[in-house]
PDB file of N, CA and C in Angstrom:
ATOM      1  N   UNK A   1       0.655  -1.377   0.166  1.00  0.00           N
ATOM      2  CA  UNK A   1      -0.139   0.067   0.131  1.00  0.00           C
ATOM      3  C   UNK A   1       0.482   1.356   0.142  1.00  0.00           C
ATOM      4  N   UNK A   2      -0.149   1.948  -0.516  1.00  0.00           N
ATOM      5  CA  UNK A   2       0.644   3.292  -0.240  1.00  0.00           C
ATOM      6  C   UNK A   2       0.615   4.266   1.753  1.00  0.00           C
ATOM      7  N   UNK A   3       2.371   4.053   1.788  1.00  0.00           N
ATOM      8  CA  UNK A   3       2.864   4.744   2.859  1.00  0.00           C
ATOM      9  C   UNK A   3       3.023   6.437   2.997  1.00  0.00           C
ATOM     10  N   UNK A   4       3.089   7.217   2.081  1.00  0.00           N
ATOM     11  CA  UNK A   4       3.407   8.680   2.263  1.00  0.00           C
ATOM     12  C   UNK A   4       1.653   9.137   3.409  1.00  0.00           C
ATOM     13  N   UNK A   5       0.816   8.900   2.713  1.00  0.00           N
ATOM     14  CA  UNK A   5      -0.384   9.183   3.820  1.00  0.00           C
ATOM     15  C   UNK A   5      -0.736   9.112   4.805  1.00  0.00           C
ATOM     16  N   UNK A   6      -0.051   7.453   5.281  1.00  0.00           N
ATOM     17  CA  UNK A   6      -0.138   7.327   6.621  1.00  0.00           C
ATOM     18  C   UNK A   6       1.152   8.743   7.148  1.00  0.00           C
ATOM     19  N   UNK A   7       2.374   8.849   6.787  1.00  0.00           N
ATOM     20  CA  UNK A   7       2.191   9.299   7.313  1.00  0.00           C
ATOM     21  C   UNK A   7       2.826  10.989   7.139  1.00  0.00           C
ATOM     22  N   UNK A   8       2.234  11.266   6.523  1.00  0.00           N
ATOM     23  CA  UNK A   8       2.402  13.225   6.439  1.00  0.00           C
ATOM     24  C   UNK A   8       0.328  13.253   5.805  1.00  0.00           C
ATOM     25  N   UNK A   9      -0.146  12.515   6.753  1.00  0.00           N
ATOM     26  CA  UNK A   9      -2.014  13.826   6.959  1.00  0.00           C
ATOM     27  C   UNK A   9      -1.353  15.081   6.946  1.00  0.00           C
ATOM     28  N   UNK A  10      -2.584  15.315   6.349  1.00  0.00           N
ATOM     29  CA  UNK A  10      -3.084  16.628   6.662  1.00  0.00           C
ATOM     30  C   UNK A  10      -3.410  16.935   8.097  1.00  0.00           C
ATOM     31  N   UNK A  11      -4.535  16.569   8.412  1.00  0.00           N
ATOM     32  CA  UNK A  11      -5.830  16.232   9.069  1.00  0.00           C
ATOM     33  C   UNK A  11      -4.696  15.759  10.487  1.00  0.00           C
ATOM     34  N   UNK A  12      -3.670  15.153  10.844  1.00  0.00           N
ATOM     35  CA  UNK A  12      -3.000  14.947  11.993  1.00  0.00           C
ATOM     36  C   UNK A  12      -1.857  15.642  12.014  1.00  0.00           C
ATOM     37  N   UNK A  13      -1.687  15.953  11.070  1.00  0.00           N
ATOM     38  CA  UNK A  13      -0.751  17.984  10.450  1.00  0.00           C
ATOM     39  C   UNK A  13      -0.725  18.948  11.758  1.00  0.00           C
ATOM     40  N   UNK A  14      -2.741  19.328  10.878  1.00  0.00           N
ATOM     41  CA  UNK A  14      -2.866  19.786  11.997  1.00  0.00           C
ATOM     42  C   UNK A  14      -3.381  20.002  12.990  1.00  0.00           C
ATOM     43  N   UNK A  15      -4.108  18.896  13.273  1.00  0.00           N
ATOM     44  CA  UNK A  15      -4.264  18.656  14.420  1.00  0.00           C
ATOM     45  C   UNK A  15      -3.213  18.548  15.319  1.00  0.00           C
ATOM     46  N   UNK A  16      -2.039  17.925  15.780  1.00  0.00           N
ATOM     47  CA  UNK A  16      -1.540  17.679  16.510  1.00  0.00           C
ATOM     48  C   UNK A  16      -0.581  18.769  16.297  1.00  0.00           C
ATOM     49  N   UNK A  17       0.417  19.432  15.447  1.00  0.00           N
ATOM     50  CA  UNK A  17       1.545  20.438  15.698  1.00  0.00           C
ATOM     51  C   UNK A  17       0.691  21.181  15.895  1.00  0.00           C
ATOM     52  N   UNK A  18      -0.068  22.036  15.231  1.00  0.00           N
ATOM     53  CA  UNK A  18      -1.213  23.192  15.350  1.00  0.00           C
ATOM     54  C   UNK A  18      -0.204  23.710  14.617  1.00  0.00           C
ATOM     55  N   UNK A  19       0.192  23.706  13.224  1.00  0.00           N
ATOM     56  CA  UNK A  19       1.152  24.327  12.768  1.00  0.00           C
ATOM     57  C   UNK A  19      -0.072  24.911  11.364  1.00  0.00           C
ATOM     58  N   UNK A  20       0.534  25.989  10.685  1.00  0.00           N
ATOM     59  CA  UNK A  20      -0.589  26.735   9.629  1.00  0.00           C
ATOM     60  C   UNK A  20       0.852  26.749   8.171  1.00  0.00           C
ATOM     61  N   UNK A  21       1.465  26.241   8.682  1.00  0.00           N
ATOM     62  CA  UNK A  21       2.417  25.737   6.547  1.00  0.00           C
ATOM     63  C   UNK A  21       3.160  25.225   6.863  1.00  0.00           C
ATOM     64  N   UNK A  22       2.824  24.128   6.221  1.00  0.00           N
ATOM     65  CA  UNK A  22       4.002  23.387   6.077  1.00  0.00           C
ATOM     66  C   UNK A  22       4.322  22.829   4.553  1.00  0.00           C
ATOM     67  N   UNK A  23       6.046  22.637   4.612  1.00  0.00           N
ATOM     68  CA  UNK A  23       6.424  22.006   3.043  1.00  0.00           C
ATOM     69  C   UNK A  23       6.967  20.403   3.079  1.00  0.00           C
ATOM     70  N   UNK A  24       6.709  19.994   1.940  1.00  0.00           N
ATOM     71  CA  UNK A  24       7.407  18.725   1.606  1.00  0.00           C
ATOM     72  C   UNK A  24       8.033  19.055   0.972  1.00  0.00           C
ATOM     73  N   UNK A  25       9.602  18.388   1.185  1.00  0.00           N
ATOM     74  CA  UNK A  25      10.440  17.942   0.348  1.00  0.00           C
ATOM     75  C   UNK A  25      11.420  16.869  -0.127  1.00  0.00           C
ATOM     76  N   UNK A  26      11.705  16.648  -1.435  1.00  0.00           N
ATOM     77  CA  UNK A  26      12.602  15.305  -1.296  1.00  0.00           C
ATOM     78  C   UNK A  26      13.169  15.144  -2.508  1.00  0.00           C
ATOM     79  N   UNK A  27      14.822  14.499  -1.788  1.00  0.00           N
ATOM     80  CA  UNK A  27      16.280  14.503  -2.447  1.00  0.00           C
ATOM     81  C   UNK A  27      17.053  12.872  -1.853  1.00  0.00           C
ATOM     82  N   UNK A  28      17.566  13.065  -3.196  1.00  0.00           N
ATOM     83  CA  UNK A  28      18.036  11.148  -3.007  1.00  0.00           C
ATOM     84  C   UNK A  28      19.510  12.084  -2.888  1.00  0.00           C
ATOM     85  N   UNK A  29      20.143  10.789  -1.846  1.00  0.00           N
ATOM     86  CA  UNK A  29      21.569  11.435  -1.465  1.00  0.00           C
ATOM     87  C   UNK A  29      22.011   9.944  -1.366  1.00  0.00           C
ATOM     88  N   UNK A  30      23.161   9.348  -1.765  1.00  0.00           N
ATOM     89  CA  UNK A  30      24.042   8.609  -1.692  1.00  0.00           C
ATOM     90  C   UNK A  30      23.057   7.196  -1.744  1.00  0.00           C
ATOM     91  N   UNK A  31      22.534   6.985  -2.508  1.00  0.00           N
ATOM     92  CA  UNK A  31      21.095   5.467  -2.127  1.00  0.00           C
ATOM     93  C   UNK A  31      19.934   5.807  -1.852  1.00  0.00           C
ATOM     94  N   UNK A  32      19.799   7.272  -1.203  1.00  0.00           N
ATOM     95  CA  UNK A  32      18.628   6.538  -0.236  1.00  0.00           C
ATOM     96  C   UNK A  32      17.667   7.928  -0.669  1.00  0.00           C
ATOM     97  N   UNK A  33      16.488   7.928  -1.049  1.00  0.00           N
ATOM     98  CA  UNK A  33      15.287   8.722  -0.685  1.00  0.00           C
ATOM     99  C   UNK A  33      15.037   9.107   0.382  1.00  0.00           C
ATOM    100  N   UNK A  34      15.262  10.434   0.831  1.00  0.00           N
ATOM    101  CA  UNK A  34      14.770  11.356   1.797  1.00  0.00           C
ATOM    102  C   UNK A  34      13.503  12.335   1.462  1.00  0.00           C
ATOM    103  N   UNK A  35      12.089  12.042   2.457  1.00  0.00           N
ATOM    104  CA  UNK A  35      11.399  12.913   2.330  1.00  0.00           C
ATOM    105  C   UNK A  35      11.078  13.213   3.754  1.00  0.00           C
ATOM    106  N   UNK A  36      10.863  14.285   3.512  1.00  0.00           N
ATOM    107  CA  UNK A  36      10.738  15.745   4.800  1.00  0.00           C
ATOM    108  C   UNK A  36       9.307  16.255   4.937  1.00  0.00           C
ATOM    109  N   UNK A  37       8.757  15.954   6.059  1.00  0.00           N
ATOM    110  CA  UNK A  37       8.075  16.963   5.427  1.00  0.00           C
ATOM    111  C   UNK A  37       7.927  18.194   7.045  1.00  0.00           C
ATOM    112  N   UNK A  38       8.048  19.858   6.575  1.00  0.00           N
ATOM    113  CA  UNK A  38       8.248  20.553   8.111  1.00  0.00           C
ATOM    114  C   UNK A  38       7.862  21.391   8.218  1.00  0.00           C
ATOM    115  N   UNK A  39       7.338  21.778   9.045  1.00  0.00           N
ATOM    116  CA  UNK A  39       6.242  22.305   9.461  1.00  0.00           C
ATOM    117  C   UNK A  39       6.499  23.529  10.304  1.00  0.00           C
ATOM    118  N   UNK A  40       5.188  24.177  10.829  1.00  0.00           N
ATOM    119  CA  UNK A  40       5.706  26.120  11.580  1.00  0.00           C
ATOM    120  C   UNK A  40       5.037  25.247  12.842  1.00  0.00           C
ATOM    121  N   UNK A  41       4.543  24.377  13.354  1.00  0.00           N
ATOM    122  CA  UNK A  41       4.496  24.217  14.176  1.00  0.00           C
ATOM    123  C   UNK A  41       4.665  24.057  15.492  1.00  0.00           C
ATOM    124  N   UNK A  42       4.281  23.603  16.183  1.00  0.00           N
ATOM    125  CA  UNK A  42       4.631  23.346  17.989  1.00  0.00           C
ATOM    126  C   UNK A  42       5.763  22.806  18.313  1.00  0.00           C
ATOM    127  N   UNK A  43       6.595  21.605  17.154  1.00  0.00           N
ATOM    128  CA  UNK A  43       7.193  20.380  17.447  1.00  0.00           C
ATOM    129  C   UNK A  43       6.766  19.923  18.423  1.00  0.00           C
ATOM    130  N   UNK A  44       7.785  19.138  19.525  1.00  0.00           N
ATOM    131  CA  UNK A  44       7.485  17.543  20.612  1.00  0.00           C
ATOM    132  C   UNK A  44       8.812  18.036  21.818  1.00  0.00           C
ATOM    133  N   UNK A  45       7.628  17.602  22.324  1.00  0.00           N
ATOM    134  CA  UNK A  45       8.852  17.723  23.967  1.00  0.00           C
ATOM    135  C   UNK A  45       9.875  16.999  23.126  1.00  0.00           C
ATOM    136  N   UNK A  46      11.145  17.114  24.034  1.00  0.00           N
ATOM    137  CA  UNK A  46      12.673  16.768  24.357  1.00  0.00           C
ATOM    138  C   UNK A  46      12.530  15.705  25.225  1.00  0.00           C
ATOM    139  N   UNK A  47      11.917  15.569  26.162  1.00  0.00           N
ATOM    140  CA  UNK A  47      11.318  14.314  26.348  1.00  0.00           C
ATOM    141  C   UNK A  47      10.837  13.317  25.768  1.00  0.00           C
ATOM    142  N   UNK A  48       9.678  13.231  24.733  1.00  0.00           N
ATOM    143  CA  UNK A  48       9.367  12.096  23.471  1.00  0.00           C
ATOM    144  C   UNK A  48      10.478  11.906  22.780  1.00  0.00           C
ATOM    145  N   UNK A  49      10.948  13.010  22.481  1.00  0.00           N
ATOM    146  CA  UNK A  49      11.980  13.060  21.311  1.00  0.00           C
ATOM    147  C   UNK A  49      13.348  11.646  21.954  1.00  0.00           C
ATOM    148  N   UNK A  50      13.180  11.701  23.755  1.00  0.00           N
ATOM    149  CA  UNK A  50      14.439  11.219  23.660  1.00  0.00           C
ATOM    150  C   UNK A  50      13.800   9.445  23.966  1.00  0.00           C
ATOM    151  N   UNK A  51      12.855   9.360  24.090  1.00  0.00           N
ATOM    152  CA  UNK A  51      11.981   8.361  24.409  1.00  0.00           C
ATOM    153  C   UNK A  51      11.712   7.596  23.552  1.00  0.00           C
ATOM    154  N   UNK A  52      11.523   8.223  22.244  1.00  0.00           N
ATOM    155  CA  UNK A  52      11.615   7.986  21.085  1.00  0.00           C
ATOM    156  C   UNK A  52      12.598   7.062  20.506  1.00  0.00           C
ATOM    157  N   UNK A  53      13.715   7.898  20.505  1.00  0.00           N
ATOM    158  CA  UNK A  53      15.115   7.014  19.566  1.00  0.00           C
ATOM    159  C   UNK A  53      15.498   6.267  20.519  1.00  0.00           C
ATOM    160  N   UNK A  54      14.711   6.474  21.755  1.00  0.00           N
ATOM    161  CA  UNK A  54      15.073   4.721  22.389  1.00  0.00           C
ATOM    162  C   UNK A  54      14.113   3.424  22.457  1.00  0.00           C
ATOM    163  N   UNK A  55      12.713   3.803  21.742  1.00  0.00           N
ATOM    164  CA  UNK A  55      12.271   2.854  21.404  1.00  0.00           C
ATOM    165  C   UNK A  55      11.496   2.419  22.313  1.00  0.00           C
ATOM    166  N   UNK A  56      10.999   3.571  23.260  1.00  0.00           N
ATOM    167  CA  UNK A  56      10.024   3.540  24.488  1.00  0.00           C
ATOM    168  C   UNK A  56       8.844   3.982  24.219  1.00  0.00           C
ATOM    169  N   UNK A  57       7.653   3.559  24.182  1.00  0.00           N
ATOM    170  CA  UNK A  57       6.559   4.294  24.254  1.00  0.00           C
ATOM    171  C   UNK A  57       6.158   4.722  25.055  1.00  0.00           C
ATOM    172  N   UNK A  58       5.903   6.320  24.633  1.00  0.00           N
ATOM    173  CA  UNK A  58       5.653   7.195  25.084  1.00  0.00           C
ATOM    174  C   UNK A  58       4.514   7.551  26.701  1.00  0.00           C
ATOM    175  N   UNK A  59       4.639   8.155  27.894  1.00  0.00           N
ATOM    176  CA  UNK A  59       3.138   8.098  28.313  1.00  0.00           C
ATOM    177  C   UNK A  59       2.909   8.635  27.664  1.00  0.00           C
ATOM    178  N   UNK A  60       0.897   8.076  28.118  1.00  0.00           N
ATOM    179  CA  UNK A  60      -0.503   9.341  27.156  1.00  0.00           C
ATOM    180  C   UNK A  60      -0.407  10.146  28.249  1.00  0.00           C
ATOM    181  N   UNK A  61      -0.727  10.997  27.295  1.00  0.00           N
ATOM    182  CA  UNK A  61      -1.090  12.209  27.144  1.00  0.00           C
ATOM    183  C   UNK A  61      -1.817  12.903  26.142  1.00  0.00           C
ATOM    184  N   UNK A  62      -2.325  14.100  26.703  1.00  0.00           N
ATOM    185  CA  UNK A  62      -2.567  14.862  24.992  1.00  0.00           C
ATOM    186  C   UNK A  62      -1.694  14.928  24.399  1.00  0.00           C
ATOM    187  N   UNK A  63      -0.309  15.273  24.411  1.00  0.00           N
ATOM    188  CA  UNK A  63       0.693  15.412  23.364  1.00  0.00           C
ATOM    189  C   UNK A  63       1.534  14.676  24.274  1.00  0.00           C
ATOM    190  N   UNK A  64       0.937  13.655  24.007  1.00  0.00           N
ATOM    191  CA  UNK A  64       2.152  12.194  24.569  1.00  0.00           C
ATOM    192  C   UNK A  64       3.147  12.219  23.174  1.00  0.00           C
ATOM    193  N   UNK A  65       3.281  11.577  22.057  1.00  0.00           N
ATOM    194  CA  UNK A  65       3.921  11.688  20.902  1.00  0.00           C
ATOM    195  C   UNK A  65       3.614  10.364  20.400  1.00  0.00           C
ATOM    196  N   UNK A  66       2.124  10.094  20.563  1.00  0.00           N
ATOM    197  CA  UNK A  66       1.902   8.305  20.788  1.00  0.00           C
ATOM    198  C   UNK A  66       1.984   8.096  19.205  1.00  0.00           C
ATOM    199  N   UNK A  67       1.620   8.948  18.535  1.00  0.00           N
ATOM    200  CA  UNK A  67       0.861   8.970  16.704  1.00  0.00           C
ATOM    201  C   UNK A  67       2.536   9.262  16.289  1.00  0.00           C
ATOM    202  N   UNK A  68       3.757   9.664  17.229  1.00  0.00           N
ATOM    203  CA  UNK A  68       4.908   9.714  16.139  1.00  0.00           C
ATOM    204  C   UNK A  68       6.011   8.233  16.497  1.00  0.00           C
ATOM    205  N   UNK A  69       5.177   7.606  17.727  1.00  0.00           N
ATOM    206  CA  UNK A  69       5.485   6.412  18.392  1.00  0.00           C
ATOM    207  C   UNK A  69       4.994   5.170  17.267  1.00  0.00           C
ATOM    208  N   UNK A  70       3.912   5.317  16.792  1.00  0.00           N
ATOM    209  CA  UNK A  70       3.018   4.499  16.079  1.00  0.00           C
ATOM    210  C   UNK A  70       3.397   4.691  14.484  1.00  0.00           C
ATOM    211  N   UNK A  71       3.810   5.838  13.667  1.00  0.00           N
ATOM    212  CA  UNK A  71       4.526   6.294  12.685  1.00  0.00           C
ATOM    213  C   UNK A  71       6.276   5.759  13.200  1.00  0.00           C
ATOM    214  N   UNK A  72       7.242   5.826  13.882  1.00  0.00           N
ATOM    215  CA  UNK A  72       7.922   5.068  13.993  1.00  0.00           C
ATOM    216  C   UNK A  72       8.320   3.520  13.496  1.00  0.00           C
ATOM    217  N   UNK A  73       7.126   3.405  13.981  1.00  0.00           N
ATOM    218  CA  UNK A  73       7.186   1.717  14.198  1.00  0.00           C
ATOM    219  C   UNK A  73       6.491   1.106  13.369  1.00  0.00           C
ATOM    220  N   UNK A  74       5.906   2.013  12.450  1.00  0.00           N
ATOM    221  CA  UNK A  74       5.437   1.469  10.528  1.00  0.00           C
ATOM    222  C   UNK A  74       7.033   1.322  10.028  1.00  0.00           C
ATOM    223  N   UNK A  75       7.267   2.651  10.073  1.00  0.00           N
ATOM    224  CA  UNK A  75       8.899   2.576   9.193  1.00  0.00           C
ATOM    225  C   UNK A  75       9.366   1.558   9.333  1.00  0.00           C
ATOM    226  N   UNK A  76       9.672   1.105  10.867  1.00  0.00           N
ATOM    227  CA  UNK A  76      10.061  -0.037  10.783  1.00  0.00           C
ATOM    228  C   UNK A  76      10.399  -1.278  10.720  1.00  0.00           C
ATOM    229  N   UNK A  77       9.035  -1.377  10.407  1.00  0.00           N
ATOM    230  CA  UNK A  77       8.299  -2.834  10.676  1.00  0.00           C
ATOM    231  C   UNK A  77       8.376  -2.733   9.320  1.00  0.00           C
ATOM    232  N   UNK A  78       8.783  -2.154   8.000  1.00  0.00           N
ATOM    233  CA  UNK A  78       8.827  -1.990   6.620  1.00  0.00           C
ATOM    234  C   UNK A  78      10.657  -1.345   6.034  1.00  0.00           C
ATOM    235  N   UNK A  79      11.261  -1.477   7.420  1.00  0.00           N
ATOM    236  CA  UNK A  79      13.016  -1.387   7.288  1.00  0.00           C
ATOM    237  C   UNK A  79      13.131   0.393   6.648  1.00  0.00           C
ATOM    238  N   UNK A  80      12.528   1.146   6.851  1.00  0.00           N
ATOM    239  CA  UNK A  80      12.742   2.750   6.534  1.00  0.00           C
ATOM    240  C   UNK A  80      12.628   3.258   8.255  1.00  0.00           C
ATOM    241  N   UNK A  81      13.451   4.011   7.877  1.00  0.00           N
ATOM    242  CA  UNK A  81      14.081   4.925   8.821  1.00  0.00           C
ATOM    243  C   UNK A  81      13.541   6.141   9.020  1.00  0.00           C
ATOM    244  N   UNK A  82      12.512   6.605  10.501  1.00  0.00           N
ATOM    245  CA  UNK A  82      11.840   7.780  10.386  1.00  0.00           C
ATOM    246  C   UNK A  82      12.953   9.120  11.178  1.00  0.00           C
ATOM    247  N   UNK A  83      12.759   9.904  10.626  1.00  0.00           N
ATOM    248  CA  UNK A  83      14.068  10.935  11.636  1.00  0.00           C
ATOM    249  C   UNK A  83      13.033  11.891  12.160  1.00  0.00           C
ATOM    250  N   UNK A  84      12.793  12.405  13.148  1.00  0.00           N
ATOM    251  CA  UNK A  84      11.625  13.380  13.969  1.00  0.00           C
ATOM    252  C   UNK A  84      12.825  14.641  14.615  1.00  0.00           C
ATOM    253  N   UNK A  85      12.585  15.392  14.101  1.00  0.00           N
ATOM    254  CA  UNK A  85      13.470  16.758  14.965  1.00  0.00           C
ATOM    255  C   UNK A  85      12.678  17.774  15.061  1.00  0.00           C
ATOM    256  N   UNK A  86      13.259  18.808  15.956  1.00  0.00           N
ATOM    257  CA  UNK A  86      12.725  19.917  16.500  1.00  0.00           C
ATOM    258  C   UNK A  86      13.749  20.910  16.055  1.00  0.00           C
ATOM    259  N   UNK A  87      12.558  21.844  15.327  1.00  0.00           N
ATOM    260  CA  UNK A  87      14.208  22.359  14.470  1.00  0.00           C
ATOM    261  C   UNK A  87      14.151  23.727  15.641  1.00  0.00           C
ATOM    262  N   UNK A  88      15.228  24.092  14.976  1.00  0.00           N
ATOM    263  CA  UNK A  88      15.859  25.609  15.921  1.00  0.00           C
ATOM    264  C   UNK A  88      15.426  26.371  15.592  1.00  0.00           C
ATOM    265  N   UNK A  89      14.850  27.070  14.224  1.00  0.00           N
ATOM    266  CA  UNK A  89      13.676  28.763  14.448  1.00  0.00           C
ATOM    267  C   UNK A  89      12.382  28.016  14.755  1.00  0.00           C
ATOM    268  N   UNK A  90      12.016  27.007  15.735  1.00  0.00           N
ATOM    269  CA  UNK A  90      10.432  26.660  15.145  1.00  0.00           C
ATOM    270  C   UNK A  90       9.902  25.566  14.541  1.00  0.00           C
ATOM    271  N   UNK A  91       8.994  24.476  14.959  1.00  0.00           N
ATOM    272  CA  UNK A  91       8.523  23.303  13.704  1.00  0.00           C
ATOM    273  C   UNK A  91       8.701  22.491  13.957  1.00  0.00           C
ATOM    274  N   UNK A  92       8.626  21.940  13.489  1.00  0.00           N
ATOM    275  CA  UNK A  92       9.356  20.360  13.091  1.00  0.00           C
ATOM    276  C   UNK A  92       9.418  19.548  11.721  1.00  0.00           C
ATOM    277  N   UNK A  93      10.241  18.793  11.844  1.00  0.00           N
ATOM    278  CA  UNK A  93      10.990  18.263  10.627  1.00  0.00           C
ATOM    279  C   UNK A  93      10.433  16.480  10.930  1.00  0.00           C
ATOM    280  N   UNK A  94       9.577  15.856  10.451  1.00  0.00           N
ATOM    281  CA  UNK A  94       9.810  14.561  10.461  1.00  0.00           C
ATOM    282  C   UNK A  94       9.939  14.478   8.898  1.00  0.00           C
ATOM    283  N   UNK A  95      11.478  12.866   9.082  1.00  0.00           N
ATOM    284  CA  UNK A  95      11.636  13.172   7.528  1.00  0.00           C
ATOM    285  C   UNK A  95      11.681  11.058   7.476  1.00  0.00           C
ATOM    286  N   UNK A  96      11.449  10.832   6.342  1.00  0.00           N
ATOM    287  CA  UNK A  96      11.336   9.215   5.723  1.00  0.00           C
ATOM    288  C   UNK A  96      12.968   9.123   5.254  1.00  0.00           C
ATOM    289  N   UNK A  97      13.362   7.684   4.990  1.00  0.00           N
ATOM    290  CA  UNK A  97      14.598   7.518   4.545  1.00  0.00           C
ATOM    291  C   UNK A  97      14.271   6.794   3.793  1.00  0.00           C
ATOM    292  N   UNK A  98      14.206   6.168   2.583  1.00  0.00           N
ATOM    293  CA  UNK A  98      13.867   5.149   2.325  1.00  0.00           C
ATOM    294  C   UNK A  98      14.975   4.548   0.861  1.00  0.00           C
ATOM    295  N   UNK A  99      15.675   4.163   1.182  1.00  0.00           N
ATOM    296  CA  UNK A  99      16.857   2.941   0.132  1.00  0.00           C
ATOM    297  C   UNK A  99      16.347   2.779  -0.795  1.00  0.00           C
ATOM    298  N   UNK A 100      17.071   3.021  -2.567  1.00  0.00           N
ATOM    299  CA  UNK A 100      16.751   3.498  -3.742  1.00  0.00           C
ATOM    300  C   UNK A 100      17.158   1.988  -4.364  1.00  0.00           C
ATOM    301  N   UNK A 101      17.873   1.634  -3.330  1.00  0.00           N
ATOM    302  CA  UNK A 101      19.333   0.410  -4.562  1.00  0.00           C
ATOM    303  C   UNK A 101      18.866  -0.143  -4.935  1.00  0.00           C
TER     304      UNK A 101
END
């Protein structure tokens, strides 16, 4: 099936990030396709990002990161890499790395 809608849903973006603007970028480097969605939303707490990096399920709350945990799990289940980054200028980047070899 098509993975992109599951990773980059406009509904989820508006609901969870509070973003007013988002851009989708594609780039091929070193045998990988990088798909990045960058928004101007509220980002994610550092605590949640640390838990996700350690493959730990975040605690359930209104801003828990459970959706990001699900995205990471789905990406890993098909051997893809998901990159989650708070941007210094504000906003958030969700990146999907797809091997193209």
